[in-house]
């Protein structure tokens, strides 16, 4: 059942990404100031950043909820270093995460729950 939820979540994320890519670009007559996003928002909107976010969210759903619910994570407000230490501690307790997955998860947690 949990696997179905994770797959459904991933499919929904992918549909949203495809829909976002299909949108028409801004018309050449619109002012750049009106369409330009702040640098931080633009960086988060890149396909690579969006994929990394989706990967981190999927890891959180798939691996972290084996032992505890998401409320525990959602209520935590930590810095990147604190999230890194938390993920390392969870790996020490048996969480199955490769080094690449750990990095992806820490980036997601740091950006989402700060």
Protein backbone atom coordinates (compact mmCIF):
# COMPACT_ATOMS: atom_id res chain seq x y z
CA UNK A 1 0.00 0.00 0.00
CA UNK A 2 2.79 2.45 0.93
CA UNK A 3 4.59 1.69 -2.33
CA UNK A 4 1.44 2.57 -4.27
CA UNK A 5 1.25 5.91 -2.47
CA UNK A 6 4.89 6.66 -3.28
CA UNK A 7 4.38 5.70 -6.93
CA UNK A 8 1.23 7.81 -7.11
CA UNK A 9 3.06 10.76 -5.56
CA UNK A 10 5.89 10.40 -8.07
CA UNK A 11 3.43 10.20 -10.99
CA UNK A 12 1.64 13.34 -9.80
CA UNK A 13 4.95 15.19 -9.48
CA UNK A 14 5.95 14.14 -12.98
CA UNK A 15 2.59 15.24 -14.43
CA UNK A 16 2.99 18.64 -12.78
CA UNK A 17 6.52 18.95 -14.18
CA UNK A 18 5.38 18.05 -17.69
CA UNK A 19 2.48 20.50 -17.47
CA UNK A 20 4.85 23.24 -16.32
CA UNK A 21 7.16 22.57 -19.26
CA UNK A 22 4.25 22.78 -21.71
CA UNK A 23 3.22 26.29 -20.70
CA UNK A 24 3.63 29.03 -23.30
CA UNK A 25 6.63 31.34 -22.80
CA UNK A 26 5.98 34.97 -21.91
CA UNK A 27 5.14 37.15 -24.91
CA UNK A 28 7.99 39.33 -26.20
CA UNK A 29 5.95 42.45 -25.43
CA UNK A 30 5.75 41.77 -21.71
CA UNK A 31 8.27 43.56 -19.56
CA UNK A 32 11.19 41.51 -18.21
CA UNK A 33 10.62 42.94 -14.74
CA UNK A 34 7.07 41.60 -14.70
CA UNK A 35 8.12 38.08 -15.66
CA UNK A 36 11.49 37.77 -13.94
CA UNK A 37 11.51 35.68 -10.79
CA UNK A 38 13.81 36.30 -7.86
CA UNK A 39 17.09 34.44 -8.12
CA UNK A 40 16.20 31.98 -5.37
CA UNK A 41 12.85 31.14 -6.95
CA UNK A 42 14.41 30.80 -10.39
CA UNK A 43 17.02 28.41 -9.02
CA UNK A 44 14.33 26.26 -7.42
CA UNK A 45 12.30 26.21 -10.64
CA UNK A 46 15.02 24.58 -12.74
CA UNK A 47 14.27 21.04 -13.88
CA UNK A 48 17.31 19.69 -12.01
CA UNK A 49 16.21 21.37 -8.77
CA UNK A 50 12.65 20.16 -9.23
CA UNK A 51 13.85 16.60 -9.86
CA UNK A 52 16.10 16.79 -6.79
CA UNK A 53 13.14 17.99 -4.74
CA UNK A 54 10.97 15.17 -6.03
CA UNK A 55 13.73 12.65 -5.31
CA UNK A 56 14.21 13.98 -1.77
CA UNK A 57 10.48 13.96 -1.12
CA UNK A 58 10.20 10.39 -2.42
CA UNK A 59 13.08 9.27 -0.21
CA UNK A 60 11.44 10.90 2.79
CA UNK A 61 8.16 9.11 2.07
CA UNK A 62 9.73 5.75 1.21
CA UNK A 63 12.54 5.40 3.72
CA UNK A 64 11.78 7.61 6.71
CA UNK A 65 8.18 6.57 7.25
CA UNK A 66 9.31 2.98 7.82
CA UNK A 67 10.05 3.91 11.44
CA UNK A 68 8.08 7.08 12.12
CA UNK A 69 5.40 9.31 10.64
CA UNK A 70 6.01 12.50 8.69
CA UNK A 71 4.68 14.74 11.46
CA UNK A 72 7.94 14.18 13.29
CA UNK A 73 9.89 15.54 10.31
CA UNK A 74 7.39 18.30 9.50
CA UNK A 75 7.56 19.66 13.04
CA UNK A 76 11.36 19.80 13.04
CA UNK A 77 13.05 23.02 11.95
CA UNK A 78 16.75 22.42 11.41
CA UNK A 79 19.71 23.83 9.53
CA UNK A 80 21.48 21.88 6.81
CA UNK A 81 24.14 20.70 9.23
CA UNK A 82 21.49 19.62 11.74
CA UNK A 83 19.59 17.69 9.05
CA UNK A 84 22.84 16.07 7.93
CA UNK A 85 23.52 14.93 11.50
CA UNK A 86 19.97 13.63 11.80
CA UNK A 87 20.22 11.65 8.56
CA UNK A 88 23.59 10.23 9.66
CA UNK A 89 22.07 9.20 12.99
CA UNK A 90 19.15 7.51 11.20
CA UNK A 91 21.54 5.63 8.91
CA UNK A 92 23.37 4.49 12.03
CA UNK A 93 20.05 3.16 13.32
CA UNK A 94 19.45 1.21 10.11
CA UNK A 95 17.94 3.60 7.54
CA UNK A 96 18.79 2.24 4.10
CA UNK A 97 20.24 5.23 2.21
CA UNK A 98 23.20 5.33 -0.15
CA UNK A 99 25.59 8.29 0.18
CA UNK A 100 23.93 9.91 -2.87
CA UNK A 101 20.48 9.37 -1.39
CA UNK A 102 21.63 10.83 1.92
CA UNK A 103 22.85 13.96 0.13
CA UNK A 104 19.60 14.28 -1.82
CA UNK A 105 17.51 13.82 1.32
CA UNK A 106 19.55 16.36 3.32
CA UNK A 107 19.19 18.93 0.52
CA UNK A 108 15.44 18.38 0.43
CA UNK A 109 15.04 18.51 4.21
CA UNK A 110 17.24 21.61 4.47
CA UNK A 111 15.24 23.45 1.84
CA UNK A 112 11.82 22.34 3.06
CA UNK A 113 12.03 22.15 6.84
CA UNK A 114 14.22 25.02 7.98
